[in-house]
């Protein structure tokens, strides 16, 4: 049934993604999901509607990933440009950042502070930290993400 819908789904994707290579990538992702899915509707009308719902989710994920990559790339380019230009950090901003970090450090529990020190000061990987704590690397990454979120909320 998917082969009958493929041409219409490709056209739908191309209308939303202008780059033909990206459109093909999205179509391949969609194809894998649809072909591997065991509980797809058997009725042709329901199958078509289900495919369009899946393609909307695949497109949304693709666009989110594309935005994240662009944001990360622009941040890396900015940091590289600043580093290459030899610009120095604003002393007032650096002082306020240090003070915010000091305040945050005092408000955190000792194990959370130790986790941040291990990861960002000592440069240990999440796998190394996870081994020491007898946790999964994913759990360590989640704790770090939550701590960074707390830090962002508490920063001025």
Protein backbone atom coordinates (compact mmCIF):
# COMPACT_ATOMS: atom_id res chain seq x y z
CA UNK A 1 0.00 0.00 0.00
CA UNK A 2 2.89 2.36 0.74
CA UNK A 3 4.12 2.27 -2.86
CA UNK A 4 0.74 3.63 -3.98
CA UNK A 5 1.11 6.59 -1.60
CA UNK A 6 4.83 7.22 -2.19
CA UNK A 7 4.48 9.71 -5.04
CA UNK A 8 1.90 11.85 -3.20
CA UNK A 9 3.94 11.75 0.01
CA UNK A 10 7.09 12.79 -1.87
CA UNK A 11 5.25 15.75 -3.39
CA UNK A 12 3.90 16.69 0.05
CA UNK A 13 7.42 16.64 1.48
CA UNK A 14 8.87 18.64 -1.43
CA UNK A 15 6.31 21.39 -0.87
CA UNK A 16 7.52 21.78 2.69
CA UNK A 17 11.25 21.14 2.22
CA UNK A 18 12.73 23.08 -0.69
CA UNK A 19 16.08 21.30 -0.88
CA UNK A 20 15.71 18.08 -2.89
CA UNK A 21 18.39 16.26 -0.88
CA UNK A 22 16.67 17.11 2.39
CA UNK A 23 13.32 16.09 0.95
CA UNK A 24 14.77 12.73 -0.04
CA UNK A 25 16.21 12.31 3.45
CA UNK A 26 12.83 12.99 5.03
CA UNK A 27 11.17 10.56 2.61
CA UNK A 28 13.68 7.85 3.51
CA UNK A 29 13.02 8.40 7.22
CA UNK A 30 9.30 8.19 6.56
CA UNK A 31 9.71 5.04 4.48
CA UNK A 32 11.62 3.27 7.22
CA UNK A 33 9.02 4.17 9.82
CA UNK A 34 6.06 3.10 7.68
CA UNK A 35 7.62 -0.14 6.47
CA UNK A 36 8.78 -1.18 9.95
CA UNK A 37 5.53 -0.27 11.69
CA UNK A 38 3.57 -3.43 12.42
CA UNK A 39 0.23 -1.95 13.39
CA UNK A 40 -0.35 0.30 10.38
CA UNK A 41 -3.98 0.53 9.26
CA UNK A 42 -5.04 -2.05 6.68
CA UNK A 43 -7.78 0.05 5.09
CA UNK A 44 -6.47 2.23 2.20
CA UNK A 45 -8.18 5.45 3.37
CA UNK A 46 -7.00 5.07 6.94
CA UNK A 47 -3.53 4.08 5.78
CA UNK A 48 -3.24 7.24 3.70
CA UNK A 49 -4.32 9.47 6.59
CA UNK A 50 -1.94 7.62 8.92
CA UNK A 51 0.95 8.14 6.48
CA UNK A 52 0.27 11.88 6.31
CA UNK A 53 0.19 12.07 10.11
CA UNK A 54 3.52 10.25 10.29
CA UNK A 55 5.08 12.48 7.63
CA UNK A 56 4.03 15.59 9.58
CA UNK A 57 5.84 14.26 12.65
CA UNK A 58 8.92 13.32 10.61
CA UNK A 59 8.97 16.80 9.03
CA UNK A 60 8.62 18.47 12.43
CA UNK A 61 11.51 16.42 13.81
CA UNK A 62 13.61 17.22 10.73
CA UNK A 63 12.98 20.96 11.05
CA UNK A 64 13.74 20.94 14.79
CA UNK A 65 17.02 19.14 14.14
CA UNK A 66 17.89 21.57 11.36
CA UNK A 67 17.24 24.57 13.63
CA UNK A 68 19.32 23.05 16.44
CA UNK A 69 22.22 22.40 14.08
CA UNK A 70 22.07 25.93 12.70
CA UNK A 71 21.98 27.39 16.21
CA UNK A 72 24.89 25.24 17.34
CA UNK A 73 26.88 26.05 14.21
CA UNK A 74 26.31 29.79 14.63
CA UNK A 75 27.42 29.57 18.27
CA UNK A 76 30.59 27.68 17.28
CA UNK A 77 31.29 30.15 14.47
CA UNK A 78 30.82 33.07 16.88
CA UNK A 79 33.17 31.56 19.47
CA UNK A 80 35.74 30.82 16.77
CA UNK A 81 35.49 34.35 15.41
CA UNK A 82 35.86 35.86 18.87
CA UNK A 83 38.83 33.61 19.59
CA UNK A 84 40.51 34.37 16.26
CA UNK A 85 39.96 38.09 16.63
CA UNK A 86 41.67 37.97 20.00
CA UNK A 87 38.83 39.82 21.66
CA UNK A 88 38.80 39.70 25.42
CA UNK A 89 35.85 39.04 27.64
CA UNK A 90 34.21 42.07 29.20
CA UNK A 91 35.61 42.24 32.78
CA UNK A 92 32.28 43.31 34.27
CA UNK A 93 30.47 40.44 32.61
CA UNK A 94 33.16 37.99 33.71
CA UNK A 95 32.93 39.23 37.30
CA UNK A 96 29.13 38.95 37.35
CA UNK A 97 29.36 35.46 35.82
CA UNK A 98 31.85 34.38 38.51
CA UNK A 99 29.58 35.78 41.22
CA UNK A 100 26.55 34.02 39.75
CA UNK A 101 28.53 30.77 39.66
CA UNK A 102 29.62 31.23 43.27
CA UNK A 103 26.02 31.83 44.35
CA UNK A 104 24.81 28.83 42.37
CA UNK A 105 27.55 26.66 43.86
CA UNK A 106 26.43 27.55 47.38
CA UNK A 107 22.79 26.77 46.61
CA UNK A 108 23.48 23.33 45.11
CA UNK A 109 23.65 20.09 47.05
CA UNK A 110 27.19 18.69 47.44
CA UNK A 111 26.62 15.74 45.07
CA UNK A 112 25.28 18.07 42.35
CA UNK A 113 28.24 20.41 42.78
CA UNK A 114 30.63 17.43 42.59
CA UNK A 115 28.95 16.24 39.39
CA UNK A 116 29.47 19.65 37.77
CA UNK A 117 33.09 19.74 38.90
CA UNK A 118 33.77 16.27 37.51
CA UNK A 119 32.22 17.06 34.15
CA UNK A 120 33.20 20.66 33.48
CA UNK A 121 36.33 21.32 35.53
CA UNK A 122 37.98 17.92 35.44
CA UNK A 123 36.68 17.18 31.94
CA UNK A 124 35.52 13.65 32.68
CA UNK A 125 33.15 12.09 30.17
CA UNK A 126 29.63 11.12 31.15
CA UNK A 127 30.62 7.48 30.68
CA UNK A 128 33.45 7.83 33.22
CA UNK A 129 31.22 9.61 35.70
CA UNK A 130 28.47 7.01 35.20
CA UNK A 131 30.93 4.19 35.93
CA UNK A 132 31.99 5.88 39.16
CA UNK A 133 28.39 6.48 40.26
CA UNK A 134 27.11 3.08 39.06
CA UNK A 135 24.52 4.81 36.86
CA UNK A 136 23.84 4.84 33.16
CA UNK A 137 25.48 7.56 31.02
CA UNK A 138 21.99 8.69 30.00
CA UNK A 139 21.06 9.27 33.66
CA UNK A 140 24.21 11.34 34.18
CA UNK A 141 23.52 13.39 31.05
CA UNK A 142 19.94 14.01 32.26
CA UNK A 143 21.18 15.18 35.68
CA UNK A 144 23.67 17.50 34.00
CA UNK A 145 20.96 18.88 31.73
CA UNK A 146 18.75 19.60 34.75
CA UNK A 147 21.62 21.28 36.59
CA UNK A 148 22.35 23.48 33.56
CA UNK A 149 18.66 24.38 33.41
CA UNK A 150 18.73 25.37 37.09
CA UNK A 151 21.84 27.44 36.46
CA UNK A 152 20.19 29.27 33.55
CA UNK A 153 17.11 30.06 35.62
CA UNK A 154 19.18 31.41 38.51
CA UNK A 155 21.56 33.46 36.38
CA UNK A 156 20.83 37.22 36.10
